[in-house]
């Protein structure tokens, strides 16, 4: 029945596709990723209200939730490294570009209930990329 299946936001987030064979046509990976991100966001329910972040200080003060029980979160060290690069760029120094932030991918922690909440990070990064883009970075 329409709208009555068991597809979850996690199923969308974990979806992986193989590349087409050499000489075969395929879909643009970034377009597929963007589409899946929109579907995941809709399936995951109401959007959080994350305050705009405009400086490294504000980014450091942001409380990033950990993965909920039963879900694997993004590896903390990987996310922290990217956030450091973003913070440096927000403060006008050489750091991550908006393009690098938009393309950032993280691996999941090995166990459930560990790492940063991936849906929070997936919502935060586009906001930070937009802020860097606004600054011409």
N, C-alpha and C. Protein backbone atom coordinates (compact mmCIF):
# COMPACT_ATOMS: atom_id res chain seq x y z
N UNK A 1 0.84 -1.19 0.00
CA UNK A 1 0.00 0.00 0.00
C UNK A 1 0.87 1.24 0.00
N UNK A 2 0.40 2.24 -0.64
CA UNK A 2 1.13 3.49 -0.73
C UNK A 2 1.30 4.12 0.65
N UNK A 3 2.54 4.42 1.00
CA UNK A 3 2.82 5.05 2.29
C UNK A 3 2.81 4.11 3.47
N UNK A 4 2.71 2.82 3.21
CA UNK A 4 2.64 1.87 4.33
C UNK A 4 3.71 0.78 4.22
N UNK A 5 4.93 1.20 4.00
CA UNK A 5 6.01 0.22 3.97
C UNK A 5 6.93 0.50 5.15
N UNK A 6 8.01 -0.22 5.24
CA UNK A 6 8.89 -0.05 6.40
C UNK A 6 10.21 0.61 6.03
N UNK A 7 10.26 1.39 4.96
CA UNK A 7 11.46 2.13 4.58
C UNK A 7 11.75 3.21 5.63
N UNK A 8 12.99 3.27 6.08
CA UNK A 8 13.36 4.25 7.10
C UNK A 8 14.41 5.21 6.56
N UNK A 9 14.62 6.30 7.29
CA UNK A 9 15.67 7.26 6.93
C UNK A 9 17.03 6.57 6.94
N UNK A 10 17.24 5.64 7.85
CA UNK A 10 18.51 4.91 7.92
C UNK A 10 18.71 4.07 6.66
N UNK A 11 17.64 3.45 6.14
CA UNK A 11 17.76 2.68 4.89
C UNK A 11 18.25 3.57 3.76
N UNK A 12 17.74 4.78 3.69
CA UNK A 12 18.15 5.71 2.64
C UNK A 12 19.59 6.13 2.88
N UNK A 13 19.94 6.48 4.11
CA UNK A 13 21.29 6.93 4.44
C UNK A 13 22.32 5.85 4.14
N UNK A 14 21.98 4.58 4.34
CA UNK A 14 22.92 3.48 4.14
C UNK A 14 22.92 2.92 2.71
N UNK A 15 22.05 3.44 1.85
CA UNK A 15 21.97 2.92 0.47
C UNK A 15 23.29 3.15 -0.26
N UNK A 16 23.77 2.13 -0.94
CA UNK A 16 25.00 2.21 -1.73
C UNK A 16 24.73 1.58 -3.09
N UNK A 17 25.24 2.18 -4.14
CA UNK A 17 25.04 1.70 -5.49
C UNK A 17 26.39 1.47 -6.14
N UNK A 18 26.46 0.49 -7.02
CA UNK A 18 27.71 0.23 -7.72
C UNK A 18 27.82 1.16 -8.93
N UNK A 19 29.04 1.36 -9.38
CA UNK A 19 29.29 2.19 -10.56
C UNK A 19 28.91 1.39 -11.81
N UNK A 20 28.49 2.10 -12.88
CA UNK A 20 28.19 1.39 -14.13
C UNK A 20 29.47 0.82 -14.73
N UNK A 21 29.31 -0.22 -15.51
CA UNK A 21 30.45 -0.82 -16.19
C UNK A 21 31.07 0.20 -17.13
N UNK A 22 32.35 0.04 -17.41
CA UNK A 22 33.05 0.96 -18.31
C UNK A 22 32.33 0.95 -19.65
N UNK A 23 32.10 2.14 -20.18
CA UNK A 23 31.40 2.27 -21.45
C UNK A 23 29.89 2.31 -21.31
N UNK A 24 29.38 2.11 -20.12
CA UNK A 24 27.93 2.14 -19.88
C UNK A 24 27.56 3.48 -19.27
N UNK A 25 26.34 3.87 -19.49
CA UNK A 25 25.86 5.13 -18.91
C UNK A 25 25.43 4.89 -17.48
N UNK A 26 25.48 5.96 -16.69
CA UNK A 26 25.07 5.88 -15.29
C UNK A 26 24.53 7.22 -14.84
N UNK A 27 24.12 7.31 -13.60
CA UNK A 27 23.58 8.54 -13.03
C UNK A 27 24.69 9.36 -12.40
N UNK A 28 24.50 10.66 -12.35
CA UNK A 28 25.43 11.56 -11.69
C UNK A 28 25.36 11.28 -10.19
N UNK A 29 26.50 10.88 -9.60
CA UNK A 29 26.52 10.51 -8.18
C UNK A 29 26.02 11.63 -7.27
N UNK A 30 26.43 12.87 -7.55
CA UNK A 30 26.02 13.97 -6.67
C UNK A 30 24.52 14.22 -6.74
N UNK A 31 23.91 14.02 -7.90
CA UNK A 31 22.46 14.18 -8.01
C UNK A 31 21.72 13.07 -7.26
N UNK A 32 22.23 11.85 -7.37
CA UNK A 32 21.62 10.73 -6.63
C UNK A 32 21.75 10.97 -5.14
N UNK A 33 22.96 11.38 -4.68
CA UNK A 33 23.19 11.66 -3.26
C UNK A 33 22.27 12.76 -2.77
N UNK A 34 22.10 13.82 -3.56
CA UNK A 34 21.22 14.93 -3.15
C UNK A 34 19.77 14.46 -3.04
N UNK A 35 19.33 13.64 -4.00
CA UNK A 35 17.97 13.11 -3.96
C UNK A 35 17.77 12.23 -2.73
N UNK A 36 18.72 11.33 -2.48
CA UNK A 36 18.60 10.45 -1.31
C UNK A 36 18.61 11.26 -0.01
N UNK A 37 19.39 12.33 0.04
CA UNK A 37 19.41 13.19 1.24
C UNK A 37 18.04 13.82 1.47
N UNK A 38 17.39 14.25 0.39
CA UNK A 38 16.04 14.85 0.53
C UNK A 38 15.04 13.80 1.02
N UNK A 39 15.11 12.60 0.46
CA UNK A 39 14.20 11.52 0.88
C UNK A 39 14.45 11.17 2.34
N UNK A 40 15.73 11.04 2.71
CA UNK A 40 16.07 10.73 4.10
C UNK A 40 15.52 11.78 5.05
N UNK A 41 15.71 13.05 4.68
CA UNK A 41 15.25 14.13 5.54
C UNK A 41 13.73 14.06 5.74
N UNK A 42 12.99 13.77 4.66
CA UNK A 42 11.54 13.68 4.77
C UNK A 42 11.13 12.49 5.63
N UNK A 43 11.82 11.37 5.48
CA UNK A 43 11.48 10.18 6.27
C UNK A 43 11.86 10.32 7.73
N UNK A 44 12.86 11.14 8.02
CA UNK A 44 13.33 11.23 9.40
C UNK A 44 12.49 12.15 10.27
N UNK A 45 11.48 12.76 9.70
CA UNK A 45 10.57 13.54 10.51
C UNK A 45 10.92 15.00 10.61
N UNK A 46 10.45 15.65 11.67
CA UNK A 46 10.62 17.09 11.79
C UNK A 46 12.08 17.51 11.82
N UNK A 47 12.35 18.63 11.19
CA UNK A 47 13.70 19.17 11.11
C UNK A 47 14.03 19.89 12.42
N UNK A 48 15.25 19.69 12.89
CA UNK A 48 15.69 20.39 14.09
C UNK A 48 15.90 21.85 13.76
N UNK A 49 15.93 22.64 14.76
CA UNK A 49 16.23 24.05 14.58
C UNK A 49 17.66 24.30 15.05
N UNK A 50 18.60 24.27 14.10
CA UNK A 50 19.99 24.53 14.42
C UNK A 50 20.23 26.01 14.18
N UNK A 51 20.74 26.68 15.18
CA UNK A 51 21.03 28.10 15.05
C UNK A 51 22.16 28.32 14.05
N UNK A 52 22.11 29.43 13.30
CA UNK A 52 23.20 29.72 12.36
C UNK A 52 24.55 29.79 13.07
N UNK A 53 25.57 29.28 12.40
CA UNK A 53 26.93 29.29 12.93
C UNK A 53 27.76 30.16 12.01
N UNK A 54 28.36 31.21 12.57
CA UNK A 54 29.11 32.15 11.75
C UNK A 54 30.57 32.31 12.18
N UNK A 55 30.98 31.59 13.22
CA UNK A 55 32.38 31.69 13.67
C UNK A 55 32.81 30.35 14.26
N UNK A 56 34.13 30.21 14.39
CA UNK A 56 34.71 29.01 15.00
C UNK A 56 34.25 28.91 16.45
N UNK A 57 34.16 30.03 17.13
CA UNK A 57 33.71 30.02 18.53
C UNK A 57 32.29 29.46 18.62
N UNK A 58 31.38 29.93 17.75
CA UNK A 58 30.01 29.42 17.76
C UNK A 58 29.96 27.93 17.41
N UNK A 59 30.82 27.52 16.49
CA UNK A 59 30.86 26.11 16.11
C UNK A 59 31.33 25.24 17.28
N UNK A 60 32.33 25.71 18.02
CA UNK A 60 32.83 24.96 19.19
C UNK A 60 31.77 24.87 20.29
N UNK A 61 30.90 25.86 20.39
CA UNK A 61 29.87 25.86 21.43
C UNK A 61 28.67 24.98 21.07
N UNK A 62 28.60 24.57 19.82
CA UNK A 62 27.48 23.75 19.36
C UNK A 62 27.53 22.38 20.04
N UNK A 63 26.44 21.95 20.59
CA UNK A 63 26.35 20.64 21.24
C UNK A 63 25.87 19.62 20.20
N UNK A 64 26.77 18.76 19.79
CA UNK A 64 26.42 17.76 18.78
C UNK A 64 25.96 16.50 19.49
N UNK A 65 24.74 16.07 19.20
CA UNK A 65 24.24 14.87 19.89
C UNK A 65 24.93 13.60 19.39
N UNK A 66 25.01 12.64 20.28
CA UNK A 66 25.57 11.34 19.90
C UNK A 66 24.46 10.50 19.26
N UNK A 67 24.88 9.45 18.60
CA UNK A 67 23.92 8.57 17.92
C UNK A 67 22.94 7.98 18.92
N UNK A 68 21.68 7.90 18.54
CA UNK A 68 20.70 7.29 19.44
C UNK A 68 20.94 5.79 19.57
N UNK A 69 20.43 5.18 20.62
CA UNK A 69 20.57 3.73 20.78
C UNK A 69 20.03 3.00 19.54
N UNK A 70 20.75 1.98 19.13
CA UNK A 70 20.31 1.20 17.98
C UNK A 70 20.78 1.74 16.63
N UNK A 71 21.43 2.90 16.62
CA UNK A 71 21.94 3.46 15.37
C UNK A 71 23.43 3.72 15.48
N UNK A 72 24.12 3.57 14.38
CA UNK A 72 25.55 3.89 14.34
C UNK A 72 25.69 5.33 13.89
N UNK A 73 26.51 6.08 14.59
CA UNK A 73 26.75 7.47 14.23
C UNK A 73 28.02 7.61 13.43
N UNK A 74 28.27 8.84 12.96
CA UNK A 74 29.51 9.12 12.24
C UNK A 74 30.67 9.10 13.23
N UNK A 75 31.81 8.65 12.75
CA UNK A 75 33.00 8.61 13.60
C UNK A 75 33.37 10.01 14.06
N UNK A 76 33.49 10.17 15.34
CA UNK A 76 33.71 11.47 15.96
C UNK A 76 34.99 12.14 15.47
N UNK A 77 36.08 11.40 15.39
CA UNK A 77 37.36 11.99 14.98
C UNK A 77 37.28 12.56 13.57
N UNK A 78 36.60 11.87 12.66
CA UNK A 78 36.47 12.37 11.29
C UNK A 78 35.66 13.65 11.24
N UNK A 79 34.54 13.65 11.94
CA UNK A 79 33.68 14.84 11.95
C UNK A 79 34.41 16.00 12.61
N UNK A 80 35.06 15.75 13.72
CA UNK A 80 35.79 16.82 14.42
C UNK A 80 36.86 17.45 13.54
N UNK A 81 37.58 16.62 12.76
CA UNK A 81 38.59 17.17 11.85
C UNK A 81 37.96 18.10 10.82
N UNK A 82 36.84 17.68 10.25
CA UNK A 82 36.16 18.52 9.26
C UNK A 82 35.64 19.80 9.91
N UNK A 83 35.07 19.70 11.11
CA UNK A 83 34.55 20.89 11.78
C UNK A 83 35.68 21.86 12.12
N UNK A 84 36.84 21.34 12.43
CA UNK A 84 38.00 22.22 12.69
C UNK A 84 38.36 22.99 11.43
N UNK A 85 38.39 22.30 10.29
CA UNK A 85 38.69 22.96 9.01
C UNK A 85 37.63 24.01 8.67
N UNK A 86 36.39 23.71 8.97
CA UNK A 86 35.30 24.66 8.71
C UNK A 86 35.44 25.87 9.63
N UNK A 87 35.72 25.62 10.91
CA UNK A 87 35.87 26.71 11.87
C UNK A 87 36.99 27.66 11.48
N UNK A 88 38.10 27.11 11.05
CA UNK A 88 39.23 27.94 10.61
C UNK A 88 38.79 28.81 9.43
N UNK A 89 38.07 28.20 8.48
CA UNK A 89 37.59 28.96 7.31
C UNK A 89 36.59 30.04 7.72
N UNK A 90 35.73 29.73 8.69
CA UNK A 90 34.76 30.73 9.15
C UNK A 90 35.44 31.94 9.76
N UNK A 91 36.60 31.73 10.35
CA UNK A 91 37.34 32.84 10.96
C UNK A 91 38.29 33.52 9.97
N UNK A 92 38.11 33.23 8.68
CA UNK A 92 38.84 33.94 7.64
C UNK A 92 40.21 33.41 7.29
N UNK A 93 40.56 32.27 7.84
CA UNK A 93 41.86 31.68 7.51
C UNK A 93 41.66 30.57 6.49
N UNK A 94 42.76 30.01 6.02
CA UNK A 94 42.69 28.94 5.04
C UNK A 94 42.15 27.69 5.71
N UNK A 95 41.04 27.21 5.22
CA UNK A 95 40.40 26.01 5.78
C UNK A 95 39.57 25.35 4.71
N UNK A 96 38.57 24.63 5.10
CA UNK A 96 37.72 23.91 4.17
C UNK A 96 36.93 24.88 3.29
N UNK A 97 36.76 24.50 2.03
CA UNK A 97 35.94 25.30 1.12
C UNK A 97 34.50 24.81 1.21
N UNK A 98 33.57 25.62 0.72
CA UNK A 98 32.16 25.22 0.72
C UNK A 98 31.97 23.93 -0.09
N UNK A 99 32.73 23.78 -1.17
CA UNK A 99 32.63 22.59 -2.01
C UNK A 99 33.10 21.35 -1.24
N UNK A 100 34.20 21.48 -0.50
CA UNK A 100 34.70 20.35 0.29
C UNK A 100 33.70 19.96 1.36
N UNK A 101 33.07 20.94 1.98
CA UNK A 101 32.08 20.66 3.02
C UNK A 101 30.87 19.96 2.42
N UNK A 102 30.42 20.45 1.26
CA UNK A 102 29.24 19.86 0.62
C UNK A 102 29.49 18.41 0.20
N UNK A 103 30.72 18.07 -0.13
CA UNK A 103 31.06 16.71 -0.58
C UNK A 103 31.53 15.80 0.55
N UNK A 104 31.61 16.30 1.76
CA UNK A 104 32.16 15.52 2.88
C UNK A 104 31.34 14.25 3.12
N UNK A 105 32.05 13.16 3.29
CA UNK A 105 31.46 11.86 3.62
C UNK A 105 32.19 11.31 4.83
N UNK A 106 31.45 10.70 5.72
CA UNK A 106 32.04 10.14 6.93
C UNK A 106 31.70 8.67 7.03
N UNK A 107 32.55 7.91 7.68
CA UNK A 107 32.24 6.51 7.92
C UNK A 107 31.50 6.39 9.26
N UNK A 108 30.77 5.32 9.37
CA UNK A 108 29.99 5.09 10.58
C UNK A 108 30.84 4.38 11.64
N UNK A 109 30.49 4.60 12.88
CA UNK A 109 31.16 3.91 13.98
C UNK A 109 30.88 2.40 13.86
N UNK A 110 31.70 1.63 14.52
CA UNK A 110 31.55 0.18 14.42
C UNK A 110 30.33 -0.35 15.18
N UNK A 111 29.99 0.31 16.29
CA UNK A 111 28.91 -0.18 17.14
C UNK A 111 27.75 0.80 17.18
N UNK A 112 26.56 0.28 17.42
CA UNK A 112 25.40 1.15 17.55
C UNK A 112 25.51 1.99 18.82
N UNK A 113 24.92 3.16 18.79
CA UNK A 113 24.94 4.05 19.94
C UNK A 113 26.23 4.82 20.10
N UNK A 114 27.15 4.67 19.13
CA UNK A 114 28.43 5.39 19.20
C UNK A 114 28.50 6.39 18.05
N UNK A 115 29.36 7.39 18.23
CA UNK A 115 29.57 8.40 17.21
C UNK A 115 28.56 9.53 17.30
N UNK A 116 28.71 10.48 16.39
CA UNK A 116 27.79 11.61 16.34
C UNK A 116 26.52 11.22 15.58
N UNK A 117 25.41 11.79 16.00
CA UNK A 117 24.12 11.58 15.34
C UNK A 117 24.26 12.01 13.88
N UNK A 118 24.18 11.06 12.96
CA UNK A 118 24.41 11.35 11.54
C UNK A 118 23.36 12.29 10.96
N UNK A 119 22.12 12.22 11.41
CA UNK A 119 21.10 13.11 10.85
C UNK A 119 21.37 14.56 11.27
N UNK A 120 21.91 14.77 12.46
CA UNK A 120 22.26 16.12 12.90
C UNK A 120 23.41 16.67 12.04
N UNK A 121 24.44 15.86 11.84
CA UNK A 121 25.59 16.28 11.02
C UNK A 121 25.14 16.52 9.58
N UNK A 122 24.27 15.65 9.07
CA UNK A 122 23.78 15.81 7.70
C UNK A 122 22.94 17.07 7.53
N UNK A 123 22.38 17.58 8.59
CA UNK A 123 21.64 18.84 8.55
C UNK A 123 22.58 20.03 8.75
N UNK A 124 23.58 19.86 9.60
CA UNK A 124 24.51 20.93 9.92
C UNK A 124 25.43 21.29 8.75
N UNK A 125 26.00 20.28 8.10
CA UNK A 125 27.00 20.55 7.06
C UNK A 125 26.48 21.41 5.91
N UNK A 126 25.28 21.18 5.38
CA UNK A 126 24.80 22.08 4.31
C UNK A 126 24.66 23.53 4.78
N UNK A 127 24.30 23.73 6.04
CA UNK A 127 24.21 25.09 6.59
C UNK A 127 25.59 25.74 6.61
N UNK A 128 26.60 24.97 7.04
CA UNK A 128 27.96 25.50 7.10
C UNK A 128 28.51 25.74 5.70
N UNK A 129 28.20 24.85 4.76
CA UNK A 129 28.64 25.05 3.37
C UNK A 129 28.02 26.32 2.80
N UNK A 130 26.75 26.55 3.10
CA UNK A 130 26.07 27.76 2.61
C UNK A 130 26.72 29.01 3.20
N UNK A 131 27.09 28.97 4.46
CA UNK A 131 27.74 30.12 5.09
C UNK A 131 29.10 30.39 4.45
N UNK A 132 29.85 29.33 4.18
CA UNK A 132 31.15 29.51 3.52
C UNK A 132 30.96 30.03 2.10
N UNK A 133 29.96 29.54 1.40
CA UNK A 133 29.67 29.99 0.03
C UNK A 133 29.29 31.47 0.05
N UNK A 134 28.51 31.86 1.05
CA UNK A 134 28.10 33.26 1.20
C UNK A 134 29.32 34.16 1.36
N UNK A 135 30.37 33.63 1.97
CA UNK A 135 31.61 34.39 2.18
C UNK A 135 32.57 34.26 1.02
N UNK A 136 32.15 33.57 -0.03
CA UNK A 136 33.01 33.42 -1.20
C UNK A 136 34.10 32.39 -1.02
N UNK A 137 33.89 31.45 -0.13
CA UNK A 137 34.92 30.42 0.12
C UNK A 137 34.50 29.12 -0.47
